[in-house]
N, C-alpha and C. Protein backbone atom coordinates (compact mmCIF):
# COMPACT_ATOMS: atom_id res chain seq x y z
N MET A 1 195.14 -21.16 -50.48
CA MET A 1 194.83 -22.37 -49.47
C MET A 1 195.21 -22.12 -47.77
N PHE A 2 196.51 -21.82 -47.79
CA PHE A 2 196.46 -21.50 -45.78
C PHE A 2 196.63 -19.63 -45.70
N ARG A 3 195.91 -19.71 -44.60
CA ARG A 3 195.51 -18.38 -44.38
C ARG A 3 196.84 -18.09 -43.51
N ARG A 4 197.08 -17.11 -43.17
CA ARG A 4 198.10 -16.30 -42.46
C ARG A 4 197.39 -15.83 -41.31
N LEU A 5 197.97 -16.13 -40.24
CA LEU A 5 197.12 -15.29 -38.84
C LEU A 5 198.00 -14.54 -38.34
N ASN A 6 197.11 -13.39 -38.40
CA ASN A 6 197.70 -12.29 -37.85
C ASN A 6 198.07 -12.21 -36.10
N ASN A 7 198.47 -12.02 -35.21
CA ASN A 7 198.94 -11.34 -33.87
C ASN A 7 197.53 -11.39 -33.04
N VAL A 8 196.87 -11.04 -33.48
CA VAL A 8 195.39 -10.91 -32.73
C VAL A 8 195.12 -12.45 -32.45
N SER A 9 194.75 -13.29 -33.76
CA SER A 9 193.85 -14.39 -33.95
C SER A 9 195.19 -15.68 -33.15
N LEU A 10 196.76 -15.27 -33.08
CA LEU A 10 197.38 -16.06 -32.38
C LEU A 10 197.04 -15.88 -30.83
N PHE A 11 197.32 -14.71 -30.38
CA PHE A 11 196.89 -14.58 -29.02
C PHE A 11 195.52 -15.57 -28.27
N LYS A 12 194.56 -15.30 -29.50
CA LYS A 12 193.23 -15.82 -28.81
C LYS A 12 193.37 -17.11 -28.57
N TYR A 13 193.73 -17.74 -29.96
CA TYR A 13 194.63 -19.48 -29.72
C TYR A 13 195.30 -19.32 -28.32
N GLN A 14 196.08 -18.72 -28.38
CA GLN A 14 197.03 -19.16 -26.57
C GLN A 14 196.22 -19.02 -25.75
N ILE A 15 195.21 -18.23 -25.46
CA ILE A 15 194.53 -17.59 -24.30
C ILE A 15 193.46 -19.23 -24.36
N TRP A 16 193.22 -19.31 -25.57
CA TRP A 16 192.15 -20.78 -25.69
C TRP A 16 192.36 -21.81 -24.92
N ASN A 17 193.87 -22.52 -25.41
CA ASN A 17 194.83 -23.09 -24.89
C ASN A 17 194.93 -23.07 -23.21
N ILE A 18 194.88 -22.25 -22.72
CA ILE A 18 195.22 -21.65 -21.45
C ILE A 18 193.54 -22.04 -20.53
N LEU A 19 193.14 -21.96 -21.18
CA LEU A 19 191.63 -21.97 -21.04
C LEU A 19 191.16 -23.31 -20.82
N THR A 20 191.66 -24.35 -21.61
CA THR A 20 191.14 -25.60 -22.04
C THR A 20 191.66 -26.46 -20.93
N ILE A 21 193.04 -25.96 -20.17
CA ILE A 21 193.64 -27.08 -19.02
C ILE A 21 192.85 -27.28 -18.04
N ARG A 22 192.60 -28.48 -17.67
CA ARG A 22 191.87 -28.85 -16.34
C ARG A 22 192.75 -28.80 -15.40
N THR A 23 191.89 -27.97 -14.14
CA THR A 23 192.46 -27.77 -13.07
C THR A 23 191.83 -28.23 -11.74
N ASN A 24 190.67 -29.15 -12.42
CA ASN A 24 190.01 -30.05 -10.96
C ASN A 24 190.24 -31.60 -10.74
N THR A 25 191.51 -31.93 -9.84
CA THR A 25 191.60 -33.47 -9.99
C THR A 25 190.74 -34.21 -9.69
N LYS A 26 190.57 -35.14 -9.52
CA LYS A 26 190.16 -36.45 -8.69
C LYS A 26 191.04 -37.04 -7.64
N CYS A 27 190.45 -36.94 -6.54
CA CYS A 27 191.32 -37.61 -5.57
C CYS A 27 190.70 -39.16 -5.78
N TYR A 28 191.19 -40.27 -5.65
CA TYR A 28 191.11 -41.80 -5.99
C TYR A 28 191.53 -42.21 -4.52
N PHE A 29 191.71 -41.56 -3.12
CA PHE A 29 192.06 -42.17 -2.38
C PHE A 29 190.66 -42.12 -1.81
N ALA A 30 190.81 -43.22 -0.51
CA ALA A 30 189.12 -43.17 0.31
C ALA A 30 189.62 -41.98 1.33
N ARG A 31 188.26 -41.61 1.95
CA ARG A 31 188.91 -40.75 3.07
C ARG A 31 189.13 -41.47 4.21
N PRO A 32 189.81 -40.94 5.41
CA PRO A 32 189.97 -41.52 6.04
C PRO A 32 188.60 -41.98 7.07
N ASN A 33 188.24 -43.18 7.76
CA ASN A 33 187.05 -43.52 8.17
C ASN A 33 187.95 -43.69 9.88
N GLU A 34 187.02 -42.59 10.98
CA GLU A 34 187.77 -42.70 12.65
C GLU A 34 187.25 -43.91 13.11
N LYS A 35 185.68 -44.39 12.40
CA LYS A 35 185.29 -45.66 12.76
C LYS A 35 186.31 -46.85 12.78
N LYS A 36 186.66 -46.79 11.43
CA LYS A 36 188.08 -47.92 11.15
C LYS A 36 188.84 -47.76 11.76
N ARG A 37 189.60 -46.64 11.87
CA ARG A 37 191.02 -46.14 12.64
C ARG A 37 190.44 -46.82 14.24
N SER A 38 189.63 -46.36 14.98
CA SER A 38 189.51 -46.75 16.27
C SER A 38 189.30 -48.31 16.52
N HIS A 39 188.43 -49.36 15.47
CA HIS A 39 188.30 -50.03 15.67
C HIS A 39 189.54 -50.98 15.17
N GLN A 40 190.27 -50.62 14.30
CA GLN A 40 191.21 -51.66 13.54
C GLN A 40 192.39 -50.83 13.44
N GLY A 41 192.72 -50.01 14.58
CA GLY A 41 194.04 -49.43 14.47
C GLY A 41 195.03 -50.40 15.32
N TYR A 42 196.07 -49.55 15.06
CA TYR A 42 197.37 -50.17 15.48
C TYR A 42 197.23 -49.95 17.46
N PHE A 43 196.69 -49.08 18.24
CA PHE A 43 196.51 -49.31 19.53
C PHE A 43 195.39 -50.47 20.12
N ALA A 44 194.32 -50.43 19.23
CA ALA A 44 193.45 -51.04 18.94
C ALA A 44 193.63 -52.46 18.61
N ARG A 45 194.73 -52.74 18.24
CA ARG A 45 195.16 -54.33 17.92
C ARG A 45 195.80 -54.66 19.31
N LEU A 46 196.80 -53.69 20.23
CA LEU A 46 197.80 -54.35 20.66
C LEU A 46 196.85 -54.29 22.21
N ILE A 47 195.71 -54.01 22.11
CA ILE A 47 194.77 -54.09 23.22
C ILE A 47 194.51 -55.72 23.17
N THR A 48 194.25 -56.42 22.80
CA THR A 48 193.69 -57.83 22.74
C THR A 48 194.57 -58.55 22.30
N LEU A 49 194.98 -59.81 23.13
CA LEU A 49 195.62 -60.65 22.42
C LEU A 49 195.58 -61.08 20.91
N ASN A 50 194.66 -61.72 20.43
CA ASN A 50 194.12 -61.72 18.80
C ASN A 50 194.94 -60.47 18.26
N GLY A 51 194.58 -59.47 18.95
CA GLY A 51 194.91 -58.18 17.61
C GLY A 51 196.88 -58.27 18.01
N ARG A 52 197.02 -58.76 18.72
CA ARG A 52 198.77 -58.85 19.12
C ARG A 52 199.20 -60.04 17.90
N LYS A 53 198.33 -60.91 17.73
CA LYS A 53 198.90 -61.99 16.81
C LYS A 53 199.03 -61.22 15.25
N VAL A 54 197.64 -60.72 15.00
CA VAL A 54 197.37 -59.98 14.18
C VAL A 54 198.67 -59.08 13.51
N LEU A 55 199.17 -58.12 14.53
CA LEU A 55 200.24 -57.43 14.28
C LEU A 55 201.19 -58.27 14.31
N MET A 56 201.67 -59.07 15.16
CA MET A 56 202.83 -60.09 14.77
C MET A 56 203.01 -60.62 13.17
N ARG A 57 201.82 -61.46 13.00
CA ARG A 57 201.79 -61.73 11.27
C ARG A 57 202.22 -60.61 10.74
N ARG A 58 201.59 -59.39 10.71
CA ARG A 58 201.66 -58.53 9.42
C ARG A 58 203.38 -58.47 9.89
N ILE A 59 203.82 -58.38 10.77
CA ILE A 59 205.25 -57.91 10.60
C ILE A 59 206.27 -59.20 10.43
N LEU A 60 205.97 -60.01 10.69
CA LEU A 60 206.67 -61.62 10.30
C LEU A 60 206.50 -61.55 8.34
N LYS A 61 205.35 -61.21 8.03
CA LYS A 61 204.89 -61.36 6.70
C LYS A 61 205.91 -60.02 5.78
N GLY A 62 206.07 -58.79 6.78
CA GLY A 62 207.10 -57.87 5.88
C GLY A 62 206.12 -56.56 5.56
N ARG A 63 204.65 -56.83 6.33
CA ARG A 63 203.89 -55.66 5.70
C ARG A 63 204.93 -54.54 6.27
N HIS A 64 204.25 -52.94 5.25
CA HIS A 64 204.88 -51.90 5.25
C HIS A 64 203.93 -51.02 6.32
N VAL A 65 202.49 -51.38 6.41
CA VAL A 65 201.79 -50.39 7.29
C VAL A 65 200.85 -52.03 7.94
N LEU A 66 200.95 -51.70 9.17
CA LEU A 66 200.59 -53.01 10.13
C LEU A 66 198.88 -53.05 10.64
N ALA A 67 198.24 -51.42 10.39
CA ALA A 67 197.05 -51.14 10.80
C ALA A 67 196.66 -49.79 10.38
N HIS A 68 195.19 -49.74 10.28
CA HIS A 68 194.62 -48.22 10.11
C HIS A 68 195.43 -47.33 10.71
């Protein structure tokens, strides 16, 4: 009923297991956008009065990331 595997067939199965490992991983993070960074970044917020209000609101709320 059960067939005995010889060393060659075991080697084939071991190679097959190594080849089936997925090596390409997908990056789920968005790419950094330079336009967004220049318009909504930290230094862009510091320039205007309303931008400084936004930063202060985020600081008081306890946000770890203040701007892009």
